[in-house]
PDB file of N, CA and C in Angstrom:
ATOM      1  N   UNK A   1     133.017 205.131 -61.262  1.00  0.00           N
ATOM      2  CA  UNK A   1     133.829 205.133 -62.441  1.00  0.00           C
ATOM      3  C   UNK A   1     133.003 205.437 -63.680  1.00  0.00           C
ATOM      4  N   UNK A   2     131.766 204.916 -63.670  1.00  0.00           N
ATOM      5  CA  UNK A   2     130.894 205.152 -64.814  1.00  0.00           C
ATOM      6  C   UNK A   2     130.666 206.651 -64.981  1.00  0.00           C
ATOM      7  N   UNK A   3     130.558 207.344 -63.904  1.00  0.00           N
ATOM      8  CA  UNK A   3     130.318 208.780 -63.938  1.00  0.00           C
ATOM      9  C   UNK A   3     131.535 209.481 -64.539  1.00  0.00           C
ATOM     10  N   UNK A   4     132.732 209.030 -64.179  1.00  0.00           N
ATOM     11  CA  UNK A   4     133.945 209.630 -64.709  1.00  0.00           C
ATOM     12  C   UNK A   4     134.049 209.423 -66.217  1.00  0.00           C
ATOM     13  N   UNK A   5     133.715 208.222 -66.681  1.00  0.00           N
ATOM     14  CA  UNK A   5     133.814 207.963 -68.115  1.00  0.00           C
ATOM     15  C   UNK A   5     132.760 208.767 -68.876  1.00  0.00           C
ATOM     16  N   UNK A   6     131.585 208.909 -68.294  1.00  0.00           N
ATOM     17  CA  UNK A   6     130.545 209.736 -68.929  1.00  0.00           C
ATOM     18  C   UNK A   6     130.985 211.197 -68.989  1.00  0.00           C
ATOM     19  N   UNK A   7     131.572 211.646 -67.905  1.00  0.00           N
ATOM     20  CA  UNK A   7     132.069 213.022 -67.880  1.00  0.00           C
ATOM     21  C   UNK A   7     133.169 213.196 -68.916  1.00  0.00           C
ATOM     22  N   UNK A   8     134.029 212.164 -69.022  1.00  0.00           N
ATOM     23  CA  UNK A   8     135.123 212.232 -69.984  1.00  0.00           C
ATOM     24  C   UNK A   8     134.575 212.268 -71.403  1.00  0.00           C
ATOM     25  N   UNK A   9     133.549 211.453 -71.685  1.00  0.00           N
ATOM     26  CA  UNK A   9     132.931 211.440 -73.004  1.00  0.00           C
ATOM     27  C   UNK A   9     132.289 212.795 -73.309  1.00  0.00           C
ATOM     28  N   UNK A  10     131.576 213.313 -72.326  1.00  0.00           N
ATOM     29  CA  UNK A  10     130.923 214.615 -72.519  1.00  0.00           C
ATOM     30  C   UNK A  10     131.978 215.713 -72.743  1.00  0.00           C
ATOM     31  N   UNK A  11     133.072 215.625 -71.977  1.00  0.00           N
ATOM     32  CA  UNK A  11     134.138 216.613 -72.122  1.00  0.00           C
ATOM     33  C   UNK A  11     134.792 216.498 -73.497  1.00  0.00           C
ATOM     34  N   UNK A  12     135.035 215.270 -73.962  1.00  0.00           N
ATOM     35  CA  UNK A  12     135.601 215.069 -75.293  1.00  0.00           C
ATOM     36  C   UNK A  12     134.662 215.605 -76.363  1.00  0.00           C
ATOM     37  N   UNK A  13     133.388 215.310 -76.190  1.00  0.00           N
ATOM     38  CA  UNK A  13     132.391 215.778 -77.142  1.00  0.00           C
ATOM     39  C   UNK A  13     132.378 217.312 -77.183  1.00  0.00           C
ATOM     40  N   UNK A  14     132.430 217.936 -76.020  1.00  0.00           N
ATOM     41  CA  UNK A  14     132.420 219.396 -75.935  1.00  0.00           C
ATOM     42  C   UNK A  14     133.685 219.973 -76.571  1.00  0.00           C
ATOM     43  N   UNK A  15     134.825 219.323 -76.307  1.00  0.00           N
ATOM     44  CA  UNK A  15     136.074 219.786 -76.901  1.00  0.00           C
ATOM     45  C   UNK A  15     136.029 219.662 -78.423  1.00  0.00           C
ATOM     46  N   UNK A  16     135.507 218.586 -78.929  1.00  0.00           N
ATOM     47  CA  UNK A  16     135.385 218.404 -80.381  1.00  0.00           C
ATOM     48  C   UNK A  16     134.478 219.474 -80.984  1.00  0.00           C
ATOM     49  N   UNK A  17     133.396 219.766 -80.298  1.00  0.00           N
ATOM     50  CA  UNK A  17     132.493 220.819 -80.784  1.00  0.00           C
ATOM     51  C   UNK A  17     133.190 222.170 -80.810  1.00  0.00           C
ATOM     52  N   UNK A  18     133.944 222.438 -79.742  1.00  0.00           N
ATOM     53  CA  UNK A  18     134.673 223.709 -79.675  1.00  0.00           C
ATOM     54  C   UNK A  18     135.713 223.808 -80.789  1.00  0.00           C
ATOM     55  N   UNK A  19     136.389 222.683 -81.070  1.00  0.00           N
ATOM     56  CA  UNK A  19     137.384 222.695 -82.129  1.00  0.00           C
ATOM     57  C   UNK A  19     136.743 222.917 -83.493  1.00  0.00           C
ATOM     58  N   UNK A  20     135.563 222.388 -83.656  1.00  0.00           N
ATOM     59  CA  UNK A  20     134.903 222.515 -84.951  1.00  0.00           C
ATOM     60  C   UNK A  20     134.205 223.864 -85.128  1.00  0.00           C
ATOM     61  N   UNK A  21     134.099 224.640 -84.062  1.00  0.00           N
ATOM     62  CA  UNK A  21     133.442 225.944 -84.159  1.00  0.00           C
ATOM     63  C   UNK A  21     134.284 226.890 -85.007  1.00  0.00           C
ATOM     64  N   UNK A  22     133.616 227.638 -85.836  1.00  0.00           N
ATOM     65  CA  UNK A  22     134.287 228.673 -86.614  1.00  0.00           C
ATOM     66  C   UNK A  22     134.234 229.951 -85.787  1.00  0.00           C
ATOM     67  N   UNK A  23     135.375 230.315 -85.250  1.00  0.00           N
ATOM     68  CA  UNK A  23     135.412 231.468 -84.361  1.00  0.00           C
ATOM     69  C   UNK A  23     135.352 232.795 -85.115  1.00  0.00           C
ATOM     70  N   UNK A  24     135.475 232.735 -86.426  1.00  0.00           N
ATOM     71  CA  UNK A  24     135.410 233.956 -87.208  1.00  0.00           C
ATOM     72  C   UNK A  24     133.987 234.157 -87.703  1.00  0.00           C
ATOM     73  N   UNK A  25     133.334 235.093 -87.084  1.00  0.00           N
ATOM     74  CA  UNK A  25     131.982 235.439 -87.478  1.00  0.00           C
ATOM     75  C   UNK A  25     132.074 236.272 -88.761  1.00  0.00           C
ATOM     76  N   UNK A  26     131.413 235.843 -89.852  1.00  0.00           N
ATOM     77  CA  UNK A  26     131.542 236.582 -91.113  1.00  0.00           C
ATOM     78  C   UNK A  26     131.032 238.021 -91.015  1.00  0.00           C
ATOM     79  N   UNK A  27     130.026 238.257 -90.219  1.00  0.00           N
ATOM     80  CA  UNK A  27     129.503 239.614 -90.069  1.00  0.00           C
ATOM     81  C   UNK A  27     130.532 240.503 -89.384  1.00  0.00           C
ATOM     82  N   UNK A  28     131.137 239.974 -88.325  1.00  0.00           N
ATOM     83  CA  UNK A  28     132.145 240.749 -87.608  1.00  0.00           C
ATOM     84  C   UNK A  28     133.342 240.999 -88.524  1.00  0.00           C
ATOM     85  N   UNK A  29     133.748 239.985 -89.270  1.00  0.00           N
ATOM     86  CA  UNK A  29     134.878 240.132 -90.176  1.00  0.00           C
ATOM     87  C   UNK A  29     134.576 241.189 -91.238  1.00  0.00           C
ATOM     88  N   UNK A  30     133.380 241.160 -91.801  1.00  0.00           N
ATOM     89  CA  UNK A  30     132.978 242.141 -92.802  1.00  0.00           C
ATOM     90  C   UNK A  30     132.959 243.536 -92.196  1.00  0.00           C
ATOM     91  N   UNK A  31     132.398 243.630 -90.992  1.00  0.00           N
ATOM     92  CA  UNK A  31     132.348 244.933 -90.315  1.00  0.00           C
ATOM     93  C   UNK A  31     133.750 245.475 -90.047  1.00  0.00           C
ATOM     94  N   UNK A  32     134.653 244.582 -89.623  1.00  0.00           N
ATOM     95  CA  UNK A  32     136.026 245.016 -89.375  1.00  0.00           C
ATOM     96  C   UNK A  32     136.702 245.473 -90.661  1.00  0.00           C
ATOM     97  N   UNK A  33     136.463 244.771 -91.751  1.00  0.00           N
ATOM     98  CA  UNK A  33     137.031 245.175 -93.032  1.00  0.00           C
ATOM     99  C   UNK A  33     136.471 246.524 -93.470  1.00  0.00           C
ATOM    100  N   UNK A  34     135.161 246.704 -93.286  1.00  0.00           N
ATOM    101  CA  UNK A  34     134.533 247.985 -93.630  1.00  0.00           C
ATOM    102  C   UNK A  34     135.111 249.120 -92.789  1.00  0.00           C
ATOM    103  N   UNK A  35     135.267 248.845 -91.490  1.00  0.00           N
ATOM    104  CA  UNK A  35     135.830 249.867 -90.610  1.00  0.00           C
ATOM    105  C   UNK A  35     137.267 250.200 -91.003  1.00  0.00           C
ATOM    106  N   UNK A  36     138.015 249.175 -91.365  1.00  0.00           N
ATOM    107  CA  UNK A  36     139.395 249.405 -91.788  1.00  0.00           C
ATOM    108  C   UNK A  36     139.436 250.246 -93.064  1.00  0.00           C
ATOM    109  N   UNK A  37     138.554 249.941 -94.009  1.00  0.00           N
ATOM    110  CA  UNK A  37     138.488 250.707 -95.252  1.00  0.00           C
ATOM    111  C   UNK A  37     138.100 252.155 -94.967  1.00  0.00           C
ATOM    112  N   UNK A  38     137.102 252.339 -94.115  1.00  0.00           N
ATOM    113  CA  UNK A  38     136.665 253.690 -93.756  1.00  0.00           C
ATOM    114  C   UNK A  38     137.786 254.457 -93.054  1.00  0.00           C
ATOM    115  N   UNK A  39     138.500 253.752 -92.177  1.00  0.00           N
ATOM    116  CA  UNK A  39     139.613 254.383 -91.470  1.00  0.00           C
ATOM    117  C   UNK A  39     140.668 254.855 -92.468  1.00  0.00           C
ATOM    118  N   UNK A  40     141.013 253.995 -93.415  1.00  0.00           N
ATOM    119  CA  UNK A  40     142.004 254.366 -94.421  1.00  0.00           C
ATOM    120  C   UNK A  40     141.529 255.566 -95.240  1.00  0.00           C
ATOM    121  N   UNK A  41     140.246 255.550 -95.621  1.00  0.00           N
ATOM    122  CA  UNK A  41     139.689 256.658 -96.397  1.00  0.00           C
ATOM    123  C   UNK A  41     139.727 257.960 -95.592  1.00  0.00           C
ATOM    124  N   UNK A  42     139.371 257.864 -94.312  1.00  0.00           N
ATOM    125  CA  UNK A  42     139.400 259.058 -93.459  1.00  0.00           C
ATOM    126  C   UNK A  42     140.827 259.581 -93.286  1.00  0.00           C
ATOM    127  N   UNK A  43     141.801 258.681 -93.189  1.00  0.00           N
ATOM    128  CA  UNK A  43     143.180 259.128 -93.074  1.00  0.00           C
ATOM    129  C   UNK A  43     143.629 259.844 -94.345  1.00  0.00           C
ATOM    130  N   UNK A  44     143.216 259.315 -95.502  1.00  0.00           N
ATOM    131  CA  UNK A  44     143.546 259.964 -96.775  1.00  0.00           C
ATOM    132  C   UNK A  44     142.902 261.349 -96.829  1.00  0.00           C
ATOM    133  N   UNK A  45     141.622 261.428 -96.458  1.00  0.00           N
ATOM    134  CA  UNK A  45     140.918 262.711 -96.467  1.00  0.00           C
ATOM    135  C   UNK A  45     141.560 263.683 -95.476  1.00  0.00           C
ATOM    136  N   UNK A  46     141.976 263.163 -94.328  1.00  0.00           N
ATOM    137  CA  UNK A  46     142.623 264.010 -93.323  1.00  0.00           C
ATOM    138  C   UNK A  46     143.904 264.611 -93.894  1.00  0.00           C
ATOM    139  N   UNK A  47     144.711 263.793 -94.570  1.00  0.00           N
ATOM    140  CA  UNK A  47     145.953 264.299 -95.165  1.00  0.00           C
ATOM    141  C   UNK A  47     145.654 265.358 -96.219  1.00  0.00           C
ATOM    142  N   UNK A  48     144.617 265.127 -97.025  1.00  0.00           N
ATOM    143  CA  UNK A  48     144.250 266.103 -98.047  1.00  0.00           C
ATOM    144  C   UNK A  48     143.801 267.412 -97.408  1.00  0.00           C
ATOM    145  N   UNK A  49     142.997 267.310 -96.369  1.00  0.00           N
ATOM    146  CA  UNK A  49     142.503 268.506 -95.684  1.00  0.00           C
ATOM    147  C   UNK A  49     143.663 269.251 -95.017  1.00  0.00           C
ATOM    148  N   UNK A  50     144.594 268.507 -94.415  1.00  0.00           N
ATOM    149  CA  UNK A  50     145.746 269.151 -93.797  1.00  0.00           C
ATOM    150  C   UNK A  50     146.596 269.866 -94.843  1.00  0.00           C
ATOM    151  N   UNK A  51     146.748 269.250 -96.010  1.00  0.00           N
ATOM    152  CA  UNK A  51     147.512 269.893 -97.089  1.00  0.00           C
ATOM    153  C   UNK A  51     146.809 271.164 -97.546  1.00  0.00           C
ATOM    154  N   UNK A  52     145.482 271.105 -97.696  1.00  0.00           N
ATOM    155  CA  UNK A  52     144.722 272.294 -98.088  1.00  0.00           C
ATOM    156  C   UNK A  52     144.847 273.373 -97.018  1.00  0.00           C
ATOM    157  N   UNK A  53     144.793 272.969 -95.760  1.00  0.00           N
ATOM    158  CA  UNK A  53     144.927 273.924 -94.659  1.00  0.00           C
ATOM    159  C   UNK A  53     146.285 274.619 -94.722  1.00  0.00           C
ATOM    160  N   UNK A  54     147.344 273.848 -94.946  1.00  0.00           N
ATOM    161  CA  UNK A  54     148.681 274.431 -95.038  1.00  0.00           C
ATOM    162  C   UNK A  54     148.758 275.415 -96.203  1.00  0.00           C
ATOM    163  N   UNK A  55     148.128 275.052 -97.327  1.00  0.00           N
ATOM    164  CA  UNK A  55     148.097 275.979 -98.471  1.00  0.00           C
ATOM    165  C   UNK A  55     147.365 277.261 -98.109  1.00  0.00           C
ATOM    166  N   UNK A  56     146.250 277.123 -97.408  1.00  0.00           N
ATOM    167  CA  UNK A  56     145.491 278.308 -96.995  1.00  0.00           C
ATOM    168  C   UNK A  56     146.301 279.171 -96.032  1.00  0.00           C
ATOM    169  N   UNK A  57     147.033 278.535 -95.140  1.00  0.00           N
ATOM    170  CA  UNK A  57     147.866 279.299 -94.202  1.00  0.00           C
ATOM    171  C   UNK A  57     148.930 280.082 -94.973  1.00  0.00           C
ATOM    172  N   UNK A  58     149.566 279.417 -95.972  1.00  0.00           N
ATOM    173  CA  UNK A  58     150.577 280.117 -96.776  1.00  0.00           C
ATOM    174  C   UNK A  58     149.946 281.272 -97.552  1.00  0.00           C
ATOM    175  N   UNK A  59     148.777 281.021 -98.149  1.00  0.00           N
ATOM    176  CA  UNK A  59     148.093 282.089 -98.894  1.00  0.00           C
ATOM    177  C   UNK A  59     147.731 283.240 -97.962  1.00  0.00           C
ATOM    178  N   UNK A  60     147.277 282.913 -96.766  1.00  0.00           N
ATOM    179  CA  UNK A  60     146.913 283.937 -95.788  1.00  0.00           C
ATOM    180  C   UNK A  60     148.123 284.800 -95.455  1.00  0.00           C
ATOM    181  N   UNK A  61     149.262 284.158 -95.215  1.00  0.00           N
ATOM    182  CA  UNK A  61     150.473 284.916 -94.908  1.00  0.00           C
ATOM    183  C   UNK A  61     150.873 285.799 -96.086  1.00  0.00           C
ATOM    184  N   UNK A  62     150.784 285.245 -97.295  1.00  0.00           N
ATOM    185  CA  UNK A  62     151.139 286.007 -98.494  1.00  0.00           C
ATOM    186  C   UNK A  62     150.218 287.206 -98.657  1.00  0.00           C
ATOM    187  N   UNK A  63     148.916 286.980 -98.491  1.00  0.00           N
ATOM    188  CA  UNK A  63     147.955 288.078 -98.634  1.00  0.00           C
ATOM    189  C   UNK A  63     148.147 289.134 -97.554  1.00  0.00           C
ATOM    190  N   UNK A  64     148.435 288.696 -96.335  1.00  0.00           N
ATOM    191  CA  UNK A  64     148.704 289.667 -95.268  1.00  0.00           C
ATOM    192  C   UNK A  64     149.932 290.507 -95.590  1.00  0.00           C
ATOM    193  N   UNK A  65     150.966 289.861 -96.139  1.00  0.00           N
ATOM    194  CA  UNK A  65     152.174 290.597 -96.511  1.00  0.00           C
ATOM    195  C   UNK A  65     151.861 291.605 -97.613  1.00  0.00           C
ATOM    196  N   UNK A  66     151.075 291.168 -98.613  1.00  0.00           N
ATOM    197  CA  UNK A  66     150.702 292.085 -99.692  1.00  0.00           C
ATOM    198  C   UNK A  66     149.886 293.251 -99.150  1.00  0.00           C
ATOM    199  N   UNK A  67     148.964 292.958 -98.234  1.00  0.00           N
ATOM    200  CA  UNK A  67     148.149 294.005 -97.628  1.00  0.00           C
ATOM    201  C   UNK A  67     149.025 294.994 -96.860  1.00  0.00           C
ATOM    202  N   UNK A  68     149.996 294.475 -96.118  1.00  0.00           N
ATOM    203  CA  UNK A  68     150.930 295.356 -95.404  1.00  0.00           C
ATOM    204  C   UNK A  68     151.716 296.220 -96.382  1.00  0.00           C
ATOM    205  N   UNK A  69     152.161 295.606 -97.482  1.00  0.00           N
ATOM    206  CA  UNK A  69     152.904 296.359 -98.493  1.00  0.00           C
ATOM    207  C   UNK A  69     152.046 297.471 -99.098  1.00  0.00           C
ATOM    208  N   UNK A  70     150.796 297.142 -99.408  1.00  0.00           N
ATOM    209  CA  UNK A  70     149.883 298.137 -99.983  1.00  0.00           C
ATOM    210  C   UNK A  70     149.626 299.262 -98.986  1.00  0.00           C
ATOM    211  N   UNK A  71     149.429 298.906 -97.731  1.00  0.00           N
ATOM    212  CA  UNK A  71     149.211 299.929 -96.701  1.00  0.00           C
ATOM    213  C   UNK A  71     150.434 300.836 -96.590  1.00  0.00           C
ATOM    214  N   UNK A  72     151.610 300.241 -96.628  1.00  0.00           N
ATOM    215  CA  UNK A  72     152.845 301.027 -96.556  1.00  0.00           C
ATOM    216  C   UNK A  72     152.960 301.954 -97.767  1.00  0.00           C
ATOM    217  N   UNK A  73     152.639 301.433 -98.945  1.00  0.00           N
ATOM    218  CA  UNK A  73     152.679 302.260-100.156  1.00  0.00           C
ATOM    219  C   UNK A  73     151.692 303.415-100.056  1.00  0.00           C
ATOM    220  N   UNK A  74     150.513 303.130 -99.531  1.00  0.00           N
ATOM    221  CA  UNK A  74     149.496 304.180 -99.394  1.00  0.00           C
ATOM    222  C   UNK A  74     149.989 305.281 -98.457  1.00  0.00           C
ATOM    223  N   UNK A  75     150.597 304.877 -97.368  1.00  0.00           N
ATOM    224  CA  UNK A  75     151.129 305.868 -96.421  1.00  0.00           C
ATOM    225  C   UNK A  75     152.214 306.702 -97.091  1.00  0.00           C
ATOM    226  N   UNK A  76     153.082 306.044 -97.844  1.00  0.00           N
ATOM    227  CA  UNK A  76     154.148 306.770 -98.554  1.00  0.00           C
ATOM    228  C   UNK A  76     153.553 307.743 -99.582  1.00  0.00           C
ATOM    229  N   UNK A  77     152.533 307.305-100.302  1.00  0.00           N
ATOM    230  CA  UNK A  77     151.887 308.187-101.283  1.00  0.00           C
ATOM    231  C   UNK A  77     151.228 309.383-100.601  1.00  0.00           C
ATOM    232  N   UNK A  78     150.610 309.135 -99.442  1.00  0.00           N
ATOM    233  CA  UNK A  78     149.991 310.244 -98.713  1.00  0.00           C
ATOM    234  C   UNK A  78     151.063 311.245 -98.259  1.00  0.00           C
ATOM    235  N   UNK A  79     152.219 310.727 -97.838  1.00  0.00           N
ATOM    236  CA  UNK A  79     153.304 311.627 -97.442  1.00  0.00           C
ATOM    237  C   UNK A  79     153.769 312.456 -98.633  1.00  0.00           C
ATOM    238  N   UNK A  80     153.905 311.782 -99.772  1.00  0.00           N
ATOM    239  CA  UNK A  80     154.335 312.503-100.979  1.00  0.00           C
ATOM    240  C   UNK A  80     153.310 313.541-101.389  1.00  0.00           C
ATOM    241  N   UNK A  81     152.026 313.202-101.292  1.00  0.00           N
ATOM    242  CA  UNK A  81     150.967 314.169-101.639  1.00  0.00           C
ATOM    243  C   UNK A  81     151.025 315.366-100.700  1.00  0.00           C
ATOM    244  N   UNK A  82     151.248 315.092 -99.426  1.00  0.00           N
ATOM    245  CA  UNK A  82     151.338 316.183 -98.455  1.00  0.00           C
ATOM    246  C   UNK A  82     152.547 317.069 -98.762  1.00  0.00           C
ATOM    247  N   UNK A  83     153.682 316.436 -99.050  1.00  0.00           N
ATOM    248  CA  UNK A  83     154.872 317.215 -99.404  1.00  0.00           C
ATOM    249  C   UNK A  83     154.637 318.032-100.671  1.00  0.00           C
ATOM    250  N   UNK A  84     154.005 317.422-101.647  1.00  0.00           N
ATOM    251  CA  UNK A  84     153.718 318.114-102.903  1.00  0.00           C
ATOM    252  C   UNK A  84     152.793 319.302-102.652  1.00  0.00           C
ATOM    253  N   UNK A  85     151.769 319.074-101.837  1.00  0.00           N
ATOM    254  CA  UNK A  85     150.831 320.148-101.506  1.00  0.00           C
ATOM    255  C   UNK A  85     151.553 321.274-100.764  1.00  0.00           C
ATOM    256  N   UNK A  86     152.457 320.920 -99.863  1.00  0.00           N
ATOM    257  CA  UNK A  86     153.228 321.934 -99.142  1.00  0.00           C
ATOM    258  C   UNK A  86     154.104 322.739-100.110  1.00  0.00           C
ATOM    259  N   UNK A  87     154.700 322.048-101.061  1.00  0.00           N
ATOM    260  CA  UNK A  87     155.540 322.729-102.061  1.00  0.00           C
ATOM    261  C   UNK A  87     154.702 323.695-102.903  1.00  0.00           C
ATOM    262  N   UNK A  88     153.505 323.251-103.283  1.00  0.00           N
ATOM    263  CA  UNK A  88     152.611 324.115-104.067  1.00  0.00           C
ATOM    264  C   UNK A  88     152.237 325.353-103.249  1.00  0.00           C
ATOM    265  N   UNK A  89     151.947 325.130-101.955  1.00  0.00           N
ATOM    266  CA  UNK A  89     151.614 326.266-101.090  1.00  0.00           C
ATOM    267  C   UNK A  89     152.792 327.248-101.009  1.00  0.00           C
ATOM    268  N   UNK A  90     153.988 326.699-100.871  1.00  0.00           N
ATOM    269  CA  UNK A  90     155.178 327.555-100.828  1.00  0.00           C
ATOM    270  C   UNK A  90     155.326 328.347-102.122  1.00  0.00           C
ATOM    271  N   UNK A  91     155.131 327.657-103.253  1.00  0.00           N
ATOM    272  CA  UNK A  91     155.239 328.347-104.543  1.00  0.00           C
ATOM    273  C   UNK A  91     154.160 329.412-104.688  1.00  0.00           C
ATOM    274  N   UNK A  92     152.957 329.111-104.226  1.00  0.00           N
ATOM    275  CA  UNK A  92     151.880 330.109-104.265  1.00  0.00           C
ATOM    276  C   UNK A  92     152.239 331.326-103.425  1.00  0.00           C
ATOM    277  N   UNK A  93     152.810 331.098-102.265  1.00  0.00           N
ATOM    278  CA  UNK A  93     153.198 332.216-101.406  1.00  0.00           C
ATOM    279  C   UNK A  93     154.314 333.038-102.074  1.00  0.00           C
ATOM    280  N   UNK A  94     155.262 332.330-102.650  1.00  0.00           N
ATOM    281  CA  UNK A  94     156.346 333.045-103.333  1.00  0.00           C
ATOM    282  C   UNK A  94     155.809 333.831-104.530  1.00  0.00           C
ATOM    283  N   UNK A  95     154.860 333.209-105.243  1.00  0.00           N
ATOM    284  CA  UNK A  95     154.259 333.898-106.387  1.00  0.00           C
ATOM    285  C   UNK A  95     153.520 335.145-105.912  1.00  0.00           C
ATOM    286  N   UNK A  96     152.762 335.004-104.844  1.00  0.00           N
ATOM    287  CA  UNK A  96     152.048 336.157-104.295  1.00  0.00           C
ATOM    288  C   UNK A  96     153.033 337.248-103.882  1.00  0.00           C
ATOM    289  N   UNK A  97     154.106 336.832-103.244  1.00  0.00           N
ATOM    290  CA  UNK A  97     155.106 337.798-102.815  1.00  0.00           C
ATOM    291  C   UNK A  97     155.717 338.502-104.030  1.00  0.00           C
ATOM    292  N   UNK A  98     156.032 337.724-105.050  1.00  0.00           N
ATOM    293  CA  UNK A  98     156.602 338.305-106.264  1.00  0.00           C
ATOM    294  C   UNK A  98     155.608 339.250-106.940  1.00  0.00           C
ATOM    295  N   UNK A  99     154.357 338.873-106.993  1.00  0.00           N
ATOM    296  CA  UNK A  99     153.337 339.740-107.592  1.00  0.00           C
ATOM    297  C   UNK A  99     153.210 341.042-106.806  1.00  0.00           C
ATOM    298  N   UNK A 100     153.298 340.927-105.497  1.00  0.00           N
ATOM    299  CA  UNK A 100     153.238 342.131-104.668  1.00  0.00           C
ATOM    300  C   UNK A 100     154.442 343.027-104.959  1.00  0.00           C
ATOM    301  N   UNK A 101     155.587 342.391-105.095  1.00  0.00           N
ATOM    302  CA  UNK A 101     156.798 343.164-105.401  1.00  0.00           C
ATOM    303  C   UNK A 101     156.680 343.819-106.777  1.00  0.00           C
ATOM    304  N   UNK A 102     156.132 343.077-107.724  1.00  0.00           N
ATOM    305  CA  UNK A 102     155.962 343.640-109.076  1.00  0.00           C
ATOM    306  C   UNK A 102     154.992 344.831-109.014  1.00  0.00           C
ATOM    307  N   UNK A 103     153.914 344.651-108.280  1.00  0.00           N
ATOM    308  CA  UNK A 103     152.952 345.748-108.130  1.00  0.00           C
ATOM    309  C   UNK A 103     153.624 346.977-107.495  1.00  0.00           C
ATOM    310  N   UNK A 104     154.463 346.775-106.533  1.00  0.00           N
ATOM    311  CA  UNK A 104     155.162 347.874-105.891  1.00  0.00           C
ATOM    312  C   UNK A 104     156.053 348.587-106.901  1.00  0.00           C
ATOM    313  N   UNK A 105     156.722 347.847-107.728  1.00  0.00           N
ATOM    314  CA  UNK A 105     157.638 348.427-108.697  1.00  0.00           C
ATOM    315  C   UNK A 105     156.890 349.159-109.798  1.00  0.00           C
ATOM    316  N   UNK A 106     155.714 348.714-110.082  1.00  0.00           N
ATOM    317  CA  UNK A 106     154.935 349.345-111.137  1.00  0.00           C
ATOM    318  C   UNK A 106     154.306 350.643-110.639  1.00  0.00           C
ATOM    319  N   UNK A 107     154.173 350.822-109.436  1.00  0.00           N
ATOM    320  CA  UNK A 107     153.554 352.027-108.919  1.00  0.00           C
ATOM    321  C   UNK A 107     154.487 353.132-108.886  1.00  0.00           C
TER     322      UNK A 107
END
């Protein structure tokens, strides 16, 4: 029986010690708070970066559209230049023909 009471006393003593223990380690708590703060900061930065990325994607699409428009305009201008050059050639040929006719009439 003496052994049981000693065991009971030791068990009570151990339980009291366990109850009095501070299970919150200040270093761990500080580290967790720091990690939480860093996590929040990273989430904010992530949102900012995603917003910037979306802006860049929109700008890229806009610039590609402008580039396509400019390319289309250039092609149209080249067609017009070719048509204009063809018209000038036709007029030159007609002028030559007319000059030949005038020369014939003058002879």
